[in-house]
Amino acid sequence: MAPGVELFLWCIVFAIPTAIVCTVLNRLITYDTTNFDLEFVWDNKYSREQLEL
């Protein structure tokens, strides 16, 4: 196999799990931060829809 093709395939092999991990962390952090704000900052006075989150 040509070295360029092999390098490209290895990049894909590492990029896919990296993208998955980044996506999961982003959603986890965003969801957790929003719940913290709703509970401690807003004292559960508002819903997500009211705050347009």
PDB file of N, CA and C in Angstrom:
ATOM      1  N   MET A   1       0.860  -1.178   0.000  1.00  0.00           N
ATOM      2  CA  MET A   1       0.000   0.000   0.000  1.00  0.00           C
ATOM      3  C   MET A   1       0.902   1.235   0.000  1.00  0.00           C
ATOM      4  N   ALA A   2       0.493   2.240  -0.685  1.00  0.00           N
ATOM      5  CA  ALA A   2       1.276   3.475  -0.766  1.00  0.00           C
ATOM      6  C   ALA A   2       1.348   4.143   0.601  1.00  0.00           C
ATOM      7  N   PRO A   3       2.489   4.734   0.931  1.00  0.00           N
ATOM      8  CA  PRO A   3       2.632   5.369   2.246  1.00  0.00           C
ATOM      9  C   PRO A   3       1.606   6.472   2.499  1.00  0.00           C
ATOM     10  N   GLY A   4       1.245   7.214   1.463  1.00  0.00           N
ATOM     11  CA  GLY A   4       0.260   8.288   1.641  1.00  0.00           C
ATOM     12  C   GLY A   4      -1.111   7.755   2.000  1.00  0.00           C
ATOM     13  N   VAL A   5      -1.495   6.658   1.363  1.00  0.00           N
ATOM     14  CA  VAL A   5      -2.797   6.047   1.653  1.00  0.00           C
ATOM     15  C   VAL A   5      -2.806   5.475   3.059  1.00  0.00           C
ATOM     16  N   GLU A   6      -1.714   4.825   3.433  1.00  0.00           N
ATOM     17  CA  GLU A   6      -1.629   4.237   4.770  1.00  0.00           C
ATOM     18  C   GLU A   6      -1.684   5.322   5.849  1.00  0.00           C
ATOM     19  N   LEU A   7      -0.986   6.422   5.629  1.00  0.00           N
ATOM     20  CA  LEU A   7      -1.023   7.540   6.575  1.00  0.00           C
ATOM     21  C   LEU A   7      -2.439   8.093   6.695  1.00  0.00           C
ATOM     22  N   PHE A   8      -3.113   8.233   5.557  1.00  0.00           N
ATOM     23  CA  PHE A   8      -4.486   8.735   5.560  1.00  0.00           C
ATOM     24  C   PHE A   8      -5.410   7.818   6.368  1.00  0.00           C
ATOM     25  N   LEU A   9      -5.268   6.519   6.178  1.00  0.00           N
ATOM     26  CA  LEU A   9      -6.107   5.569   6.916  1.00  0.00           C
ATOM     27  C   LEU A   9      -5.821   5.612   8.416  1.00  0.00           C
ATOM     28  N   TRP A  10      -4.539   5.724   8.778  1.00  0.00           N
ATOM     29  CA  TRP A  10      -4.215   5.834  10.207  1.00  0.00           C
ATOM     30  C   TRP A  10      -4.788   7.114  10.818  1.00  0.00           C
ATOM     31  N   CYS A  11      -4.756   8.178  10.056  1.00  0.00           N
ATOM     32  CA  CYS A  11      -5.349   9.432  10.551  1.00  0.00           C
ATOM     33  C   CYS A  11      -6.839   9.263  10.798  1.00  0.00           C
ATOM     34  N   ILE A  12      -7.524   8.587   9.903  1.00  0.00           N
ATOM     35  CA  ILE A  12      -8.955   8.333  10.079  1.00  0.00           C
ATOM     36  C   ILE A  12      -9.189   7.456  11.304  1.00  0.00           C
ATOM     37  N   VAL A  13      -8.357   6.436  11.480  1.00  0.00           N
ATOM     38  CA  VAL A  13      -8.505   5.519  12.622  1.00  0.00           C
ATOM     39  C   VAL A  13      -8.376   6.274  13.935  1.00  0.00           C
ATOM     40  N   PHE A  14      -7.490   7.255  14.007  1.00  0.00           N
ATOM     41  CA  PHE A  14      -7.333   8.022  15.246  1.00  0.00           C
ATOM     42  C   PHE A  14      -8.319   9.180  15.349  1.00  0.00           C
ATOM     43  N   ALA A  15      -8.762   9.712  14.221  1.00  0.00           N
ATOM     44  CA  ALA A  15      -9.655  10.864  14.244  1.00  0.00           C
ATOM     45  C   ALA A  15     -11.065  10.499  14.703  1.00  0.00           C
ATOM     46  N   ILE A  16     -11.544   9.333  14.308  1.00  0.00           N
ATOM     47  CA  ILE A  16     -12.911   8.952  14.654  1.00  0.00           C
ATOM     48  C   ILE A  16     -13.101   8.802  16.174  1.00  0.00           C
ATOM     49  N   PRO A  17     -12.258   8.025  16.876  1.00  0.00           N
ATOM     50  CA  PRO A  17     -12.438   7.943  18.339  1.00  0.00           C
ATOM     51  C   PRO A  17     -12.204   9.282  19.030  1.00  0.00           C
ATOM     52  N   THR A  18     -11.271  10.082  18.516  1.00  0.00           N
ATOM     53  CA  THR A  18     -11.021  11.395  19.109  1.00  0.00           C
ATOM     54  C   THR A  18     -12.257  12.281  18.972  1.00  0.00           C
ATOM     55  N   ALA A  19     -12.885  12.269  17.825  1.00  0.00           N
ATOM     56  CA  ALA A  19     -14.095  13.063  17.614  1.00  0.00           C
ATOM     57  C   ALA A  19     -15.233  12.583  18.508  1.00  0.00           C
ATOM     58  N   ILE A  20     -15.348  11.277  18.684  1.00  0.00           N
ATOM     59  CA  ILE A  20     -16.397  10.727  19.544  1.00  0.00           C
ATOM     60  C   ILE A  20     -16.184  11.163  20.987  1.00  0.00           C
ATOM     61  N   VAL A  21     -14.952  11.072  21.471  1.00  0.00           N
ATOM     62  CA  VAL A  21     -14.650  11.468  22.850  1.00  0.00           C
ATOM     63  C   VAL A  21     -14.917  12.958  23.043  1.00  0.00           C
ATOM     64  N   CYS A  22     -14.504  13.777  22.105  1.00  0.00           N
ATOM     65  CA  CYS A  22     -14.741  15.220  22.213  1.00  0.00           C
ATOM     66  C   CYS A  22     -16.229  15.550  22.216  1.00  0.00           C
ATOM     67  N   THR A  23     -16.986  14.871  21.390  1.00  0.00           N
ATOM     68  CA  THR A  23     -18.430  15.103  21.324  1.00  0.00           C
ATOM     69  C   THR A  23     -19.102  14.714  22.635  1.00  0.00           C
ATOM     70  N   VAL A  24     -18.736  13.567  23.172  1.00  0.00           N
ATOM     71  CA  VAL A  24     -19.322  13.109  24.442  1.00  0.00           C
ATOM     72  C   VAL A  24     -18.965  14.067  25.575  1.00  0.00           C
ATOM     73  N   LEU A  25     -17.708  14.491  25.644  1.00  0.00           N
ATOM     74  CA  LEU A  25     -17.304  15.433  26.686  1.00  0.00           C
ATOM     75  C   LEU A  25     -18.032  16.765  26.552  1.00  0.00           C
ATOM     76  N   ASN A  26     -18.184  17.233  25.338  1.00  0.00           N
ATOM     77  CA  ASN A  26     -18.894  18.490  25.118  1.00  0.00           C
ATOM     78  C   ASN A  26     -20.332  18.397  25.608  1.00  0.00           C
ATOM     79  N   ARG A  27     -21.018  17.324  25.243  1.00  0.00           N
ATOM     80  CA  ARG A  27     -22.419  17.176  25.670  1.00  0.00           C
ATOM     81  C   ARG A  27     -22.520  17.003  27.185  1.00  0.00           C
ATOM     82  N   LEU A  28     -21.614  16.254  27.772  1.00  0.00           N
ATOM     83  CA  LEU A  28     -21.630  16.040  29.216  1.00  0.00           C
ATOM     84  C   LEU A  28     -21.394  17.340  29.967  1.00  0.00           C
ATOM     85  N   ILE A  29     -20.389  18.083  29.547  1.00  0.00           N
ATOM     86  CA  ILE A  29     -20.070  19.343  30.222  1.00  0.00           C
ATOM     87  C   ILE A  29     -21.187  20.357  30.040  1.00  0.00           C
ATOM     88  N   THR A  30     -21.729  20.451  28.839  1.00  0.00           N
ATOM     89  CA  THR A  30     -22.809  21.407  28.589  1.00  0.00           C
ATOM     90  C   THR A  30     -24.043  21.055  29.412  1.00  0.00           C
ATOM     91  N   TYR A  31     -24.426  19.789  29.434  1.00  0.00           N
ATOM     92  CA  TYR A  31     -25.611  19.375  30.177  1.00  0.00           C
ATOM     93  C   TYR A  31     -25.408  19.571  31.674  1.00  0.00           C
ATOM     94  N   ASP A  32     -24.245  19.182  32.193  1.00  0.00           N
ATOM     95  CA  ASP A  32     -23.967  19.292  33.619  1.00  0.00           C
ATOM     96  C   ASP A  32     -23.917  20.756  34.053  1.00  0.00           C
ATOM     97  N   THR A  33     -23.312  21.603  33.249  1.00  0.00           N
ATOM     98  CA  THR A  33     -23.217  23.023  33.573  1.00  0.00           C
ATOM     99  C   THR A  33     -24.598  23.654  33.584  1.00  0.00           C
ATOM    100  N   THR A  34     -25.439  23.285  32.633  1.00  0.00           N
ATOM    101  CA  THR A  34     -26.792  23.830  32.583  1.00  0.00           C
ATOM    102  C   THR A  34     -27.584  23.402  33.806  1.00  0.00           C
ATOM    103  N   ASN A  35     -27.470  22.146  34.200  1.00  0.00           N
ATOM    104  CA  ASN A  35     -28.174  21.690  35.402  1.00  0.00           C
ATOM    105  C   ASN A  35     -27.676  22.425  36.643  1.00  0.00           C
ATOM    106  N   PHE A  36     -26.381  22.653  36.736  1.00  0.00           N
ATOM    107  CA  PHE A  36     -25.831  23.385  37.877  1.00  0.00           C
ATOM    108  C   PHE A  36     -26.397  24.799  37.908  1.00  0.00           C
ATOM    109  N   ASP A  37     -26.398  25.470  36.746  1.00  0.00           N
ATOM    110  CA  ASP A  37     -26.937  26.826  36.696  1.00  0.00           C
ATOM    111  C   ASP A  37     -28.409  26.862  37.085  1.00  0.00           C
ATOM    112  N   LEU A  38     -29.188  25.925  36.564  1.00  0.00           N
ATOM    113  CA  LEU A  38     -30.614  25.916  36.885  1.00  0.00           C
ATOM    114  C   LEU A  38     -30.836  25.703  38.374  1.00  0.00           C
ATOM    115  N   GLU A  39     -30.033  24.861  38.990  1.00  0.00           N
ATOM    116  CA  GLU A  39     -30.244  24.537  40.398  1.00  0.00           C
ATOM    117  C   GLU A  39     -29.708  25.612  41.333  1.00  0.00           C
ATOM    118  N   PHE A  40     -28.469  26.050  41.127  1.00  0.00           N
ATOM    119  CA  PHE A  40     -27.832  26.921  42.109  1.00  0.00           C
ATOM    120  C   PHE A  40     -27.896  28.406  41.766  1.00  0.00           C
ATOM    121  N   VAL A  41     -27.878  28.739  40.487  1.00  0.00           N
ATOM    122  CA  VAL A  41     -27.930  30.149  40.109  1.00  0.00           C
ATOM    123  C   VAL A  41     -29.370  30.643  40.063  1.00  0.00           C
ATOM    124  N   TRP A  42     -30.234  29.860  39.403  1.00  0.00           N
ATOM    125  CA  TRP A  42     -31.617  30.277  39.215  1.00  0.00           C
ATOM    126  C   TRP A  42     -32.556  29.661  40.248  1.00  0.00           C
ATOM    127  N   ASP A  43     -32.044  28.807  41.107  1.00  0.00           N
ATOM    128  CA  ASP A  43     -32.826  28.172  42.175  1.00  0.00           C
ATOM    129  C   ASP A  43     -34.078  27.480  41.626  1.00  0.00           C
ATOM    130  N   ASN A  44     -33.939  26.873  40.454  1.00  0.00           N
ATOM    131  CA  ASN A  44     -35.022  26.135  39.777  1.00  0.00           C
ATOM    132  C   ASN A  44     -36.276  26.972  39.564  1.00  0.00           C
ATOM    133  N   LYS A  45     -36.123  28.283  39.441  1.00  0.00           N
ATOM    134  CA  LYS A  45     -37.272  29.155  39.194  1.00  0.00           C
ATOM    135  C   LYS A  45     -37.710  29.113  37.736  1.00  0.00           C
ATOM    136  N   TYR A  46     -36.770  28.766  36.854  1.00  0.00           N
ATOM    137  CA  TYR A  46     -37.046  28.794  35.420  1.00  0.00           C
ATOM    138  C   TYR A  46     -36.752  27.436  34.813  1.00  0.00           C
ATOM    139  N   SER A  47     -37.384  27.163  33.701  1.00  0.00           N
ATOM    140  CA  SER A  47     -37.086  25.934  32.962  1.00  0.00           C
ATOM    141  C   SER A  47     -36.073  26.255  31.866  1.00  0.00           C
ATOM    142  N   ARG A  48     -35.575  25.205  31.222  1.00  0.00           N
ATOM    143  CA  ARG A  48     -34.639  25.411  30.110  1.00  0.00           C
ATOM    144  C   ARG A  48     -35.291  26.220  28.995  1.00  0.00           C
ATOM    145  N   GLU A  49     -36.548  25.943  28.734  1.00  0.00           N
ATOM    146  CA  GLU A  49     -37.247  26.641  27.654  1.00  0.00           C
ATOM    147  C   GLU A  49     -37.392  28.124  27.956  1.00  0.00           C
ATOM    148  N   GLN A  50     -37.660  28.458  29.210  1.00  0.00           N
ATOM    149  CA  GLN A  50     -37.812  29.859  29.575  1.00  0.00           C
ATOM    150  C   GLN A  50     -36.491  30.612  29.450  1.00  0.00           C
ATOM    151  N   LEU A  51     -35.392  29.923  29.723  1.00  0.00           N
ATOM    152  CA  LEU A  51     -34.089  30.550  29.590  1.00  0.00           C
ATOM    153  C   LEU A  51     -33.520  30.404  28.186  1.00  0.00           C
ATOM    154  N   GLU A  52     -34.244  29.712  27.320  1.00  0.00           N
ATOM    155  CA  GLU A  52     -33.858  29.478  25.931  1.00  0.00           C
ATOM    156  C   GLU A  52     -32.513  28.784  25.825  1.00  0.00           C
ATOM    157  N   LEU A  53     -32.347  27.692  26.582  1.00  0.00           N
ATOM    158  CA  LEU A  53     -31.100  26.921  26.525  1.00  0.00           C
ATOM    159  C   LEU A  53     -31.268  25.698  25.675  1.00  0.00           C
TER     160      LEU A  53
END
